[in-house]
Amino acid sequence: MSLQASRILSGLHPWLAARVRWLGEVATLYGSGQTLISGTRTITEQGRLYDFQGNRPAAYPGCSQHQYGFAVDATYLPIVQITSKGKPFIWTPAETTSAMNNAARHVGLTVVANDDGHYQVFPGIQFREYIVAVGLCPQNPPPPLWNIAEVQASNDAYRDCLLAASRSNRLLGADSPSFSCPQPCGPLFNRLC
């Protein structure tokens, strides 16, 4: 077991850690391998994920099972089986994920739809109702600061504009009025605004 996997497992609730270890053993038996990506997170780490989320949405700080050691994210290598003719048969990543998700359900873990490899102790709705009731999570969290996909599109447009301005200024020469791009503002460019 890698140092990273040991560190992640040590931060999980013991009930979850035992099941995640078992999933790793099942993956190995099937010719796959388990990589643990994320386990327990601090409120700061969760806040960073929430504020700068990309394609995978993240829960508001205080609202994630990761913060309490009740959730883990893992990936698996495709399962490899040897056929009766002695040839390897490699499962697709989707087939491997489906098999590991079924194994996780078998040992009582909650598998989150559309979040492959994310396993948690409690169903999300039950957990959310509880942490809202005890005041650990707001009923209506504020929206994230920004979305990485939107910022990337903005970065790309600004970069393209800078390249065009540079080419234009070179073509027009030093005596011509120079072409410039509008200054981008927002979370990424605060120090420029």
N, C-alpha and C. Protein backbone atom coordinates (compact mmCIF):
# COMPACT_ATOMS: atom_id res chain seq x y z
N MET A 1 0.85 -1.18 0.00
CA MET A 1 0.00 0.00 0.00
C MET A 1 0.89 1.24 0.00
N SER A 2 0.52 2.22 -0.83
CA SER A 2 1.33 3.44 -0.95
C SER A 2 1.19 4.30 0.30
N LEU A 3 2.14 5.21 0.46
CA LEU A 3 2.12 6.14 1.58
C LEU A 3 0.87 7.02 1.51
N GLN A 4 0.52 7.46 0.28
CA GLN A 4 -0.67 8.30 0.10
C GLN A 4 -1.92 7.54 0.52
N ALA A 5 -2.04 6.27 0.10
CA ALA A 5 -3.21 5.47 0.46
C ALA A 5 -3.28 5.28 1.97
N SER A 6 -2.15 5.02 2.61
CA SER A 6 -2.12 4.85 4.08
C SER A 6 -2.57 6.13 4.77
N ARG A 7 -2.09 7.27 4.28
CA ARG A 7 -2.46 8.56 4.89
C ARG A 7 -3.96 8.82 4.72
N ILE A 8 -4.50 8.54 3.53
CA ILE A 8 -5.93 8.76 3.29
C ILE A 8 -6.75 7.83 4.17
N LEU A 9 -6.38 6.55 4.22
CA LEU A 9 -7.13 5.59 5.03
C LEU A 9 -7.10 5.94 6.52
N SER A 10 -5.97 6.44 7.00
CA SER A 10 -5.86 6.76 8.43
C SER A 10 -6.78 7.90 8.85
N GLY A 11 -7.18 8.75 7.89
CA GLY A 11 -8.07 9.86 8.23
C GLY A 11 -9.55 9.51 8.13
N LEU A 12 -9.86 8.33 7.58
CA LEU A 12 -11.26 7.94 7.41
C LEU A 12 -11.83 7.32 8.69
N HIS A 13 -13.14 7.36 8.80
CA HIS A 13 -13.81 6.64 9.89
C HIS A 13 -13.45 5.16 9.74
N PRO A 14 -13.15 4.45 10.84
CA PRO A 14 -12.72 3.05 10.74
C PRO A 14 -13.67 2.14 9.95
N TRP A 15 -14.97 2.38 10.06
CA TRP A 15 -15.95 1.56 9.32
C TRP A 15 -15.74 1.72 7.82
N LEU A 16 -15.54 2.95 7.37
CA LEU A 16 -15.31 3.22 5.95
C LEU A 16 -13.94 2.72 5.52
N ALA A 17 -12.92 2.96 6.33
CA ALA A 17 -11.55 2.54 5.98
C ALA A 17 -11.49 1.03 5.74
N ALA A 18 -12.16 0.25 6.59
CA ALA A 18 -12.15 -1.22 6.42
C ALA A 18 -12.77 -1.62 5.09
N ARG A 19 -13.84 -0.96 4.70
CA ARG A 19 -14.51 -1.30 3.44
C ARG A 19 -13.69 -0.85 2.22
N VAL A 20 -13.02 0.27 2.34
CA VAL A 20 -12.18 0.75 1.24
C VAL A 20 -10.98 -0.18 1.07
N ARG A 21 -10.39 -0.65 2.18
CA ARG A 21 -9.30 -1.64 2.09
C ARG A 21 -9.79 -2.90 1.38
N TRP A 22 -10.99 -3.36 1.74
CA TRP A 22 -11.57 -4.55 1.12
C TRP A 22 -11.77 -4.34 -0.38
N LEU A 23 -12.26 -3.15 -0.77
CA LEU A 23 -12.42 -2.84 -2.20
C LEU A 23 -11.08 -2.91 -2.93
N GLY A 24 -10.03 -2.43 -2.28
CA GLY A 24 -8.69 -2.51 -2.87
C GLY A 24 -8.26 -3.95 -3.08
N GLU A 25 -8.56 -4.81 -2.10
CA GLU A 25 -8.22 -6.24 -2.22
C GLU A 25 -9.03 -6.89 -3.34
N VAL A 26 -10.30 -6.55 -3.46
CA VAL A 26 -11.14 -7.08 -4.53
C VAL A 26 -10.58 -6.65 -5.89
N ALA A 27 -10.21 -5.39 -6.00
CA ALA A 27 -9.65 -4.89 -7.25
C ALA A 27 -8.38 -5.67 -7.62
N THR A 28 -7.53 -5.91 -6.64
CA THR A 28 -6.30 -6.67 -6.89
C THR A 28 -6.60 -8.09 -7.33
N LEU A 29 -7.57 -8.72 -6.67
CA LEU A 29 -7.96 -10.09 -7.06
C LEU A 29 -8.45 -10.16 -8.50
N TYR A 30 -9.08 -9.11 -8.97
CA TYR A 30 -9.59 -9.06 -10.33
C TYR A 30 -8.57 -8.55 -11.34
N GLY A 31 -7.33 -8.36 -10.90
CA GLY A 31 -6.30 -7.91 -11.83
C GLY A 31 -6.34 -6.42 -12.07
N SER A 32 -7.00 -5.69 -11.20
CA SER A 32 -7.08 -4.24 -11.32
C SER A 32 -6.18 -3.64 -10.25
N GLY A 33 -6.37 -2.40 -9.95
CA GLY A 33 -5.66 -1.73 -8.88
C GLY A 33 -6.44 -0.53 -8.43
N GLN A 34 -6.33 -0.20 -7.16
CA GLN A 34 -7.08 0.91 -6.58
C GLN A 34 -6.12 2.06 -6.30
N THR A 35 -6.51 3.27 -6.67
CA THR A 35 -5.77 4.47 -6.30
C THR A 35 -6.71 5.37 -5.53
N LEU A 36 -6.34 5.68 -4.29
CA LEU A 36 -7.15 6.59 -3.48
C LEU A 36 -6.72 8.01 -3.80
N ILE A 37 -7.71 8.84 -4.10
CA ILE A 37 -7.43 10.21 -4.53
C ILE A 37 -7.63 11.20 -3.39
N SER A 38 -8.72 11.03 -2.65
CA SER A 38 -9.07 12.01 -1.62
C SER A 38 -9.85 11.33 -0.52
N GLY A 39 -9.57 11.73 0.70
CA GLY A 39 -10.29 11.20 1.86
C GLY A 39 -10.81 12.36 2.69
N THR A 40 -10.36 12.44 3.93
CA THR A 40 -10.79 13.51 4.82
C THR A 40 -10.17 14.83 4.37
N ARG A 41 -10.99 15.89 4.37
CA ARG A 41 -10.53 17.22 3.97
C ARG A 41 -10.75 18.21 5.10
N THR A 42 -9.88 19.20 5.17
CA THR A 42 -10.10 20.29 6.11
C THR A 42 -11.17 21.21 5.54
N ILE A 43 -11.68 22.11 6.37
CA ILE A 43 -12.69 23.05 5.89
C ILE A 43 -12.08 23.97 4.83
N THR A 44 -10.78 24.28 4.94
CA THR A 44 -10.10 25.10 3.95
C THR A 44 -10.01 24.38 2.61
N GLU A 45 -9.62 23.10 2.64
CA GLU A 45 -9.54 22.33 1.40
C GLU A 45 -10.91 22.22 0.74
N GLN A 46 -11.95 21.97 1.55
CA GLN A 46 -13.29 21.86 0.99
C GLN A 46 -13.74 23.20 0.41
N GLY A 47 -13.40 24.29 1.09
CA GLY A 47 -13.75 25.62 0.59
C GLY A 47 -13.09 25.91 -0.74
N ARG A 48 -11.83 25.51 -0.88
CA ARG A 48 -11.11 25.72 -2.13
C ARG A 48 -11.78 24.91 -3.25
N LEU A 49 -12.13 23.66 -2.97
CA LEU A 49 -12.81 22.84 -3.98
C LEU A 49 -14.15 23.44 -4.36
N TYR A 50 -14.88 23.95 -3.37
CA TYR A 50 -16.19 24.53 -3.63
C TYR A 50 -16.08 25.80 -4.47
N ASP A 51 -15.15 26.68 -4.09
CA ASP A 51 -15.02 27.96 -4.78
C ASP A 51 -14.42 27.85 -6.17
N PHE A 52 -13.63 26.83 -6.41
CA PHE A 52 -12.95 26.70 -7.69
C PHE A 52 -13.33 25.39 -8.39
N GLN A 53 -14.59 25.02 -8.29
CA GLN A 53 -15.01 23.74 -8.86
C GLN A 53 -15.05 23.77 -10.37
N GLY A 54 -14.76 22.63 -10.95
CA GLY A 54 -14.80 22.49 -12.39
C GLY A 54 -15.99 21.65 -12.80
N ASN A 55 -15.73 20.56 -13.50
CA ASN A 55 -16.81 19.71 -13.99
C ASN A 55 -17.48 18.89 -12.90
N ARG A 56 -16.77 18.63 -11.80
CA ARG A 56 -17.34 17.86 -10.70
C ARG A 56 -17.73 18.82 -9.58
N PRO A 57 -19.01 18.97 -9.31
CA PRO A 57 -19.40 19.89 -8.24
C PRO A 57 -18.91 19.42 -6.88
N ALA A 58 -18.60 20.36 -6.03
CA ALA A 58 -18.15 20.06 -4.67
C ALA A 58 -19.14 20.66 -3.69
N ALA A 59 -19.28 20.02 -2.54
CA ALA A 59 -20.20 20.49 -1.50
C ALA A 59 -19.63 21.72 -0.80
N TYR A 60 -20.53 22.54 -0.28
CA TYR A 60 -20.15 23.72 0.50
C TYR A 60 -19.41 23.28 1.76
N PRO A 61 -18.41 24.06 2.22
CA PRO A 61 -17.68 23.68 3.44
C PRO A 61 -18.63 23.47 4.63
N GLY A 62 -18.44 22.35 5.29
CA GLY A 62 -19.31 21.96 6.40
C GLY A 62 -20.38 20.98 5.96
N CYS A 63 -20.62 20.90 4.65
CA CYS A 63 -21.70 20.07 4.12
C CYS A 63 -21.21 18.77 3.48
N SER A 64 -19.91 18.56 3.42
CA SER A 64 -19.34 17.39 2.75
C SER A 64 -19.02 16.28 3.74
N GLN A 65 -19.33 15.05 3.35
CA GLN A 65 -18.96 13.91 4.20
C GLN A 65 -17.45 13.74 4.27
N HIS A 66 -16.72 14.30 3.30
CA HIS A 66 -15.25 14.23 3.33
C HIS A 66 -14.71 14.89 4.61
N GLN A 67 -15.32 15.96 5.05
CA GLN A 67 -14.81 16.69 6.20
C GLN A 67 -14.94 15.92 7.50
N TYR A 68 -15.77 14.91 7.53
CA TYR A 68 -16.01 14.14 8.75
C TYR A 68 -15.41 12.74 8.67
N GLY A 69 -14.66 12.45 7.58
CA GLY A 69 -14.06 11.13 7.41
C GLY A 69 -15.04 10.08 6.93
N PHE A 70 -16.17 10.54 6.36
CA PHE A 70 -17.22 9.62 5.91
C PHE A 70 -17.27 9.44 4.40
N ALA A 71 -16.28 9.95 3.64
CA ALA A 71 -16.30 9.81 2.18
C ALA A 71 -14.87 9.65 1.66
N VAL A 72 -14.78 8.97 0.52
CA VAL A 72 -13.48 8.74 -0.12
C VAL A 72 -13.69 8.73 -1.63
N ASP A 73 -12.67 9.17 -2.36
CA ASP A 73 -12.67 9.12 -3.82
C ASP A 73 -11.56 8.17 -4.25
N ALA A 74 -11.90 7.24 -5.16
CA ALA A 74 -10.94 6.26 -5.64
C ALA A 74 -11.08 6.07 -7.14
N THR A 75 -10.02 5.62 -7.77
CA THR A 75 -10.09 5.21 -9.17
C THR A 75 -9.55 3.78 -9.26
N TYR A 76 -9.90 3.12 -10.33
CA TYR A 76 -9.49 1.73 -10.53
C TYR A 76 -8.95 1.54 -11.93
N LEU A 77 -7.89 0.74 -12.05
CA LEU A 77 -7.39 0.35 -13.36
C LEU A 77 -8.37 -0.63 -13.97
N PRO A 78 -8.45 -0.70 -15.29
CA PRO A 78 -9.35 -1.68 -15.90
C PRO A 78 -9.03 -3.11 -15.43
N ILE A 79 -10.07 -3.89 -15.19
CA ILE A 79 -9.91 -5.28 -14.76
C ILE A 79 -9.39 -6.09 -15.94
N VAL A 80 -8.41 -6.95 -15.65
CA VAL A 80 -7.84 -7.83 -16.67
C VAL A 80 -8.12 -9.27 -16.25
N GLN A 81 -8.77 -10.03 -17.13
CA GLN A 81 -9.02 -11.45 -16.86
C GLN A 81 -8.39 -12.27 -17.98
N ILE A 82 -7.97 -13.47 -17.64
CA ILE A 82 -7.41 -14.39 -18.63
C ILE A 82 -8.54 -15.34 -19.06
N THR A 83 -8.77 -15.40 -20.36
CA THR A 83 -9.85 -16.25 -20.88
C THR A 83 -9.43 -17.72 -20.82
N SER A 84 -10.39 -18.61 -21.10
CA SER A 84 -10.11 -20.05 -21.09
C SER A 84 -9.06 -20.42 -22.14
N LYS A 85 -8.87 -19.57 -23.13
CA LYS A 85 -7.84 -19.82 -24.16
C LYS A 85 -6.50 -19.19 -23.79
N GLY A 86 -6.42 -18.64 -22.58
CA GLY A 86 -5.16 -18.08 -22.10
C GLY A 86 -4.88 -16.67 -22.58
N LYS A 87 -5.86 -16.02 -23.17
CA LYS A 87 -5.66 -14.65 -23.67
C LYS A 87 -6.26 -13.66 -22.68
N PRO A 88 -5.62 -12.48 -22.56
CA PRO A 88 -6.18 -11.47 -21.64
C PRO A 88 -7.44 -10.82 -22.21
N PHE A 89 -8.37 -10.59 -21.34
CA PHE A 89 -9.58 -9.84 -21.69
C PHE A 89 -9.61 -8.63 -20.76
N ILE A 90 -9.59 -7.44 -21.34
CA ILE A 90 -9.53 -6.21 -20.55
C ILE A 90 -10.91 -5.56 -20.53
N TRP A 91 -11.41 -5.35 -19.32
CA TRP A 91 -12.70 -4.68 -19.17
C TRP A 91 -12.53 -3.21 -19.52
N THR A 92 -13.61 -2.58 -19.98
CA THR A 92 -13.58 -1.14 -20.22
C THR A 92 -13.56 -0.42 -18.87
N PRO A 93 -13.11 0.83 -18.83
CA PRO A 93 -13.17 1.58 -17.57
C PRO A 93 -14.58 1.63 -16.98
N ALA A 94 -15.60 1.77 -17.84
CA ALA A 94 -16.99 1.82 -17.35
C ALA A 94 -17.39 0.49 -16.71
N GLU A 95 -16.99 -0.62 -17.32
CA GLU A 95 -17.31 -1.94 -16.76
C GLU A 95 -16.61 -2.15 -15.42
N THR A 96 -15.35 -1.72 -15.35
CA THR A 96 -14.59 -1.84 -14.11
C THR A 96 -15.24 -1.01 -13.00
N THR A 97 -15.58 0.24 -13.31
CA THR A 97 -16.22 1.12 -12.33
C THR A 97 -17.54 0.52 -11.87
N SER A 98 -18.33 0.01 -12.79
CA SER A 98 -19.61 -0.60 -12.44
C SER A 98 -19.42 -1.78 -11.49
N ALA A 99 -18.43 -2.63 -11.79
CA ALA A 99 -18.16 -3.79 -10.92
C ALA A 99 -17.73 -3.34 -9.53
N MET A 100 -16.86 -2.33 -9.44
CA MET A 100 -16.39 -1.85 -8.14
C MET A 100 -17.51 -1.15 -7.38
N ASN A 101 -18.37 -0.42 -8.09
CA ASN A 101 -19.52 0.21 -7.44
C ASN A 101 -20.46 -0.84 -6.86
N ASN A 102 -20.67 -1.93 -7.60
CA ASN A 102 -21.51 -3.02 -7.08
C ASN A 102 -20.89 -3.65 -5.84
N ALA A 103 -19.57 -3.83 -5.86
CA ALA A 103 -18.89 -4.38 -4.69
C ALA A 103 -19.04 -3.42 -3.50
N ALA A 104 -18.94 -2.12 -3.75
CA ALA A 104 -19.08 -1.13 -2.67
C ALA A 104 -20.49 -1.18 -2.08
N ARG A 105 -21.49 -1.29 -2.92
CA ARG A 105 -22.87 -1.40 -2.42
C ARG A 105 -23.05 -2.66 -1.58
N HIS A 106 -22.38 -3.74 -2.00
CA HIS A 106 -22.48 -5.02 -1.31
C HIS A 106 -22.03 -4.92 0.15
N VAL A 107 -21.07 -4.05 0.42
CA VAL A 107 -20.59 -3.89 1.80
C VAL A 107 -21.20 -2.68 2.50
N GLY A 108 -22.28 -2.13 1.93
CA GLY A 108 -23.03 -1.09 2.62
C GLY A 108 -22.64 0.34 2.34
N LEU A 109 -21.76 0.57 1.37
CA LEU A 109 -21.38 1.95 1.05
C LEU A 109 -22.41 2.59 0.13
N THR A 110 -22.55 3.88 0.24
CA THR A 110 -23.40 4.64 -0.66
C THR A 110 -22.55 5.05 -1.86
N VAL A 111 -23.04 4.73 -3.05
CA VAL A 111 -22.37 5.10 -4.29
C VAL A 111 -23.15 6.26 -4.88
N VAL A 112 -22.47 7.35 -5.15
CA VAL A 112 -23.12 8.56 -5.64
C VAL A 112 -23.23 8.50 -7.17
N ALA A 113 -24.44 8.67 -7.67
CA ALA A 113 -24.67 8.66 -9.12
C ALA A 113 -23.86 9.77 -9.79
N ASN A 114 -23.32 9.50 -10.95
CA ASN A 114 -22.55 10.46 -11.75
C ASN A 114 -21.30 10.97 -11.04
N ASP A 115 -20.78 10.22 -10.09
CA ASP A 115 -19.55 10.60 -9.41
C ASP A 115 -18.75 9.32 -9.19
N ASP A 116 -18.24 8.76 -10.29
CA ASP A 116 -17.55 7.48 -10.25
C ASP A 116 -16.44 7.44 -9.22
N GLY A 117 -16.42 6.37 -8.43
CA GLY A 117 -15.37 6.18 -7.45
C GLY A 117 -15.55 6.98 -6.18
N HIS A 118 -16.68 7.67 -6.03
CA HIS A 118 -16.94 8.42 -4.79
C HIS A 118 -17.84 7.54 -3.92
N TYR A 119 -17.33 7.15 -2.77
CA TYR A 119 -18.07 6.29 -1.84
C TYR A 119 -18.23 7.03 -0.52
N GLN A 120 -19.42 6.94 0.04
CA GLN A 120 -19.66 7.60 1.32
C GLN A 120 -20.47 6.70 2.24
N VAL A 121 -20.45 7.04 3.53
CA VAL A 121 -21.11 6.24 4.55
C VAL A 121 -22.62 6.42 4.50
N PHE A 122 -23.07 7.66 4.40
CA PHE A 122 -24.50 7.96 4.48
C PHE A 122 -25.06 8.42 3.13
N PRO A 123 -26.33 8.10 2.84
CA PRO A 123 -26.96 8.72 1.66
C PRO A 123 -26.91 10.23 1.81
N GLY A 124 -26.65 10.94 0.72
CA GLY A 124 -26.45 12.38 0.76
C GLY A 124 -27.60 13.17 1.37
N ILE A 125 -28.83 12.82 1.03
CA ILE A 125 -29.98 13.59 1.52
C ILE A 125 -30.11 13.44 3.03
N GLN A 126 -29.98 12.22 3.56
CA GLN A 126 -30.07 12.02 5.01
C GLN A 126 -28.96 12.78 5.73
N PHE A 127 -27.75 12.71 5.21
CA PHE A 127 -26.63 13.40 5.83
C PHE A 127 -26.84 14.90 5.82
N ARG A 128 -27.26 15.43 4.67
CA ARG A 128 -27.49 16.87 4.55
C ARG A 128 -28.56 17.35 5.53
N GLU A 129 -29.67 16.61 5.62
CA GLU A 129 -30.73 17.00 6.56
C GLU A 129 -30.20 17.08 7.98
N TYR A 130 -29.36 16.12 8.35
CA TYR A 130 -28.81 16.08 9.71
C TYR A 130 -27.88 17.27 9.96
N ILE A 131 -26.92 17.50 9.05
CA ILE A 131 -25.95 18.57 9.32
C ILE A 131 -26.56 19.96 9.22
N VAL A 132 -27.63 20.10 8.44
CA VAL A 132 -28.36 21.37 8.42
C VAL A 132 -29.09 21.54 9.75
N ALA A 133 -29.72 20.47 10.24
CA ALA A 133 -30.48 20.52 11.50
C ALA A 133 -29.59 20.87 12.69
N VAL A 134 -28.35 20.36 12.70
CA VAL A 134 -27.46 20.65 13.83
C VAL A 134 -26.62 21.90 13.62
N GLY A 135 -26.81 22.58 12.48
CA GLY A 135 -26.16 23.86 12.25
C GLY A 135 -24.76 23.81 11.66
N LEU A 136 -24.33 22.65 11.15
CA LEU A 136 -23.00 22.56 10.56
C LEU A 136 -22.96 23.00 9.10
N CYS A 137 -24.13 23.06 8.47
CA CYS A 137 -24.22 23.39 7.05
C CYS A 137 -25.41 24.32 6.85
N PRO A 138 -25.24 25.42 6.10
CA PRO A 138 -26.38 26.31 5.86
C PRO A 138 -27.43 25.65 4.96
N GLN A 139 -28.68 26.02 5.16
CA GLN A 139 -29.77 25.49 4.35
C GLN A 139 -29.57 25.85 2.87
N ASN A 140 -29.17 27.10 2.61
CA ASN A 140 -28.95 27.57 1.24
C ASN A 140 -27.55 28.17 1.14
N PRO A 141 -26.54 27.32 0.83
CA PRO A 141 -25.18 27.84 0.73
C PRO A 141 -25.05 28.87 -0.39
N PRO A 142 -24.14 29.83 -0.25
CA PRO A 142 -23.92 30.81 -1.32
C PRO A 142 -23.30 30.12 -2.54
N PRO A 143 -23.41 30.72 -3.72
CA PRO A 143 -22.82 30.11 -4.91
C PRO A 143 -21.29 30.14 -4.83
N PRO A 144 -20.61 29.26 -5.57
CA PRO A 144 -19.14 29.29 -5.57
C PRO A 144 -18.63 30.60 -6.15
N LEU A 145 -17.37 30.95 -5.82
CA LEU A 145 -16.78 32.19 -6.34
C LEU A 145 -16.75 32.20 -7.85
N TRP A 146 -16.28 31.13 -8.45
CA TRP A 146 -16.21 31.06 -9.90
C TRP A 146 -16.08 29.62 -10.33
N ASN A 147 -16.35 29.40 -11.60
CA ASN A 147 -16.30 28.06 -12.17
C ASN A 147 -15.07 27.99 -13.06
N ILE A 148 -14.25 26.96 -12.87
CA ILE A 148 -13.00 26.84 -13.61
C ILE A 148 -13.23 26.84 -15.12
N ALA A 149 -14.29 26.18 -15.58
CA ALA A 149 -14.55 26.13 -17.03
C ALA A 149 -14.78 27.54 -17.58
N GLU A 150 -15.51 28.37 -16.83
CA GLU A 150 -15.77 29.74 -17.27
C GLU A 150 -14.48 30.55 -17.26
N VAL A 151 -13.66 30.37 -16.22
CA VAL A 151 -12.40 31.10 -16.13
C VAL A 151 -11.47 30.67 -17.26
N GLN A 152 -11.44 29.36 -17.55
CA GLN A 152 -10.58 28.88 -18.63
C GLN A 152 -10.98 29.52 -19.96
N ALA A 153 -12.29 29.59 -20.21
CA ALA A 153 -12.77 30.22 -21.44
C ALA A 153 -12.35 31.69 -21.48
N SER A 154 -12.46 32.37 -20.34
CA SER A 154 -12.06 33.77 -20.24
C SER A 154 -10.55 33.91 -20.47
N ASN A 155 -9.76 33.01 -19.87
CA ASN A 155 -8.30 33.02 -20.05
C ASN A 155 -7.95 32.84 -21.52
N ASP A 156 -8.61 31.88 -22.17
CA ASP A 156 -8.33 31.59 -23.58
C ASP A 156 -8.65 32.80 -24.45
N ALA A 157 -9.79 33.44 -24.19
CA ALA A 157 -10.18 34.62 -24.98
C ALA A 157 -9.18 35.76 -24.76
N TYR A 158 -8.74 35.98 -23.53
CA TYR A 158 -7.79 37.05 -23.23
C TYR A 158 -6.44 36.76 -23.88
N ARG A 159 -5.99 35.50 -23.79
CA ARG A 159 -4.72 35.11 -24.42
C ARG A 159 -4.80 35.35 -25.93
N ASP A 160 -5.91 34.94 -26.55
CA ASP A 160 -6.08 35.13 -28.00
C ASP A 160 -6.06 36.61 -28.35
N CYS A 161 -6.69 37.43 -27.51
CA CYS A 161 -6.71 38.87 -27.73
C CYS A 161 -5.29 39.44 -27.63
N LEU A 162 -4.52 39.00 -26.63
CA LEU A 162 -3.15 39.49 -26.48
C LEU A 162 -2.29 39.11 -27.69
N LEU A 163 -2.47 37.89 -28.18
CA LEU A 163 -1.71 37.46 -29.37
C LEU A 163 -2.08 38.31 -30.58
N ALA A 164 -3.37 38.56 -30.75
CA ALA A 164 -3.83 39.38 -31.89
C ALA A 164 -3.28 40.80 -31.76
N ALA A 165 -3.30 41.36 -30.55
CA ALA A 165 -2.78 42.72 -30.33
C ALA A 165 -1.30 42.78 -30.65
N SER A 166 -0.56 41.77 -30.22
CA SER A 166 0.88 41.73 -30.46
C SER A 166 1.16 41.69 -31.97
N ARG A 167 0.44 40.81 -32.68
CA ARG A 167 0.63 40.72 -34.14
C ARG A 167 0.26 42.04 -34.81
N SER A 168 -0.87 42.63 -34.40
CA SER A 168 -1.35 43.87 -34.99
C SER A 168 -0.35 44.99 -34.79
N ASN A 169 0.17 45.10 -33.58
CA ASN A 169 1.13 46.17 -33.27
C ASN A 169 2.43 45.99 -34.05
N ARG A 170 2.86 44.75 -34.26
CA ARG A 170 4.07 44.50 -35.05
C ARG A 170 3.85 44.88 -36.52
N LEU A 171 2.66 44.54 -37.04
CA LEU A 171 2.36 44.83 -38.45
C LEU A 171 2.21 46.32 -38.70
N LEU A 172 1.58 47.02 -37.74
CA LEU A 172 1.31 48.44 -37.93
C LEU A 172 2.55 49.30 -37.75
N GLY A 173 3.49 48.82 -36.97
CA GLY A 173 4.73 49.57 -36.75
C GLY A 173 4.65 50.46 -35.54
N ALA A 174 5.79 51.01 -35.18
CA ALA A 174 5.92 51.78 -33.94
C ALA A 174 5.18 53.12 -33.99
N ASP A 175 4.98 53.70 -35.16
CA ASP A 175 4.35 55.03 -35.25
C ASP A 175 2.83 54.98 -35.18
N SER A 176 2.24 53.81 -35.30
CA SER A 176 0.78 53.67 -35.30
C SER A 176 0.25 53.57 -33.87
N PRO A 177 -1.03 53.95 -33.66
CA PRO A 177 -1.61 53.75 -32.32
C PRO A 177 -1.65 52.25 -32.03
N SER A 178 -1.30 51.90 -30.82
CA SER A 178 -1.23 50.47 -30.49
C SER A 178 -2.61 49.93 -30.12
N PHE A 179 -2.78 48.69 -30.44
CA PHE A 179 -4.02 47.95 -30.17
C PHE A 179 -3.86 47.28 -28.81
N SER A 180 -4.86 47.36 -27.95
CA SER A 180 -4.77 46.68 -26.65
C SER A 180 -6.07 45.96 -26.34
N CYS A 181 -5.99 45.05 -25.43
CA CYS A 181 -7.16 44.27 -25.02
C CYS A 181 -7.79 44.89 -23.79
N PRO A 182 -9.11 44.70 -23.62
CA PRO A 182 -9.71 45.17 -22.37
C PRO A 182 -9.12 44.38 -21.22
N GLN A 183 -8.94 45.05 -20.12
CA GLN A 183 -8.36 44.39 -18.96
C GLN A 183 -9.38 43.46 -18.32
N PRO A 184 -9.03 42.17 -18.16
CA PRO A 184 -9.98 41.25 -17.53
C PRO A 184 -10.05 41.50 -16.04
N CYS A 185 -11.21 41.39 -15.47
CA CYS A 185 -11.36 41.52 -14.04
C CYS A 185 -12.10 40.27 -13.53
N GLY A 186 -12.01 40.04 -12.27
CA GLY A 186 -12.64 38.87 -11.68
C GLY A 186 -11.64 38.19 -10.75
N PRO A 187 -12.03 37.08 -10.15
CA PRO A 187 -11.19 36.43 -9.12
C PRO A 187 -9.78 36.11 -9.59
N LEU A 188 -9.65 35.69 -10.85
CA LEU A 188 -8.33 35.29 -11.33
C LEU A 188 -7.41 36.48 -11.55
N PHE A 189 -7.97 37.63 -11.92
CA PHE A 189 -7.17 38.79 -12.31
C PHE A 189 -7.25 39.93 -11.31
N ASN A 190 -7.63 39.66 -10.07
CA ASN A 190 -7.80 40.73 -9.08
C ASN A 190 -6.57 41.62 -8.96
N ARG A 191 -5.40 41.06 -9.06
CA ARG A 191 -4.20 41.89 -8.89
C ARG A 191 -3.96 42.79 -10.10
N LEU A 192 -4.64 42.54 -11.22
CA LEU A 192 -4.51 43.38 -12.40
C LEU A 192 -5.54 44.50 -12.42
N CYS A 193 -6.65 44.33 -11.72
CA CYS A 193 -7.78 45.27 -11.81
C CYS A 193 -7.63 46.42 -10.84
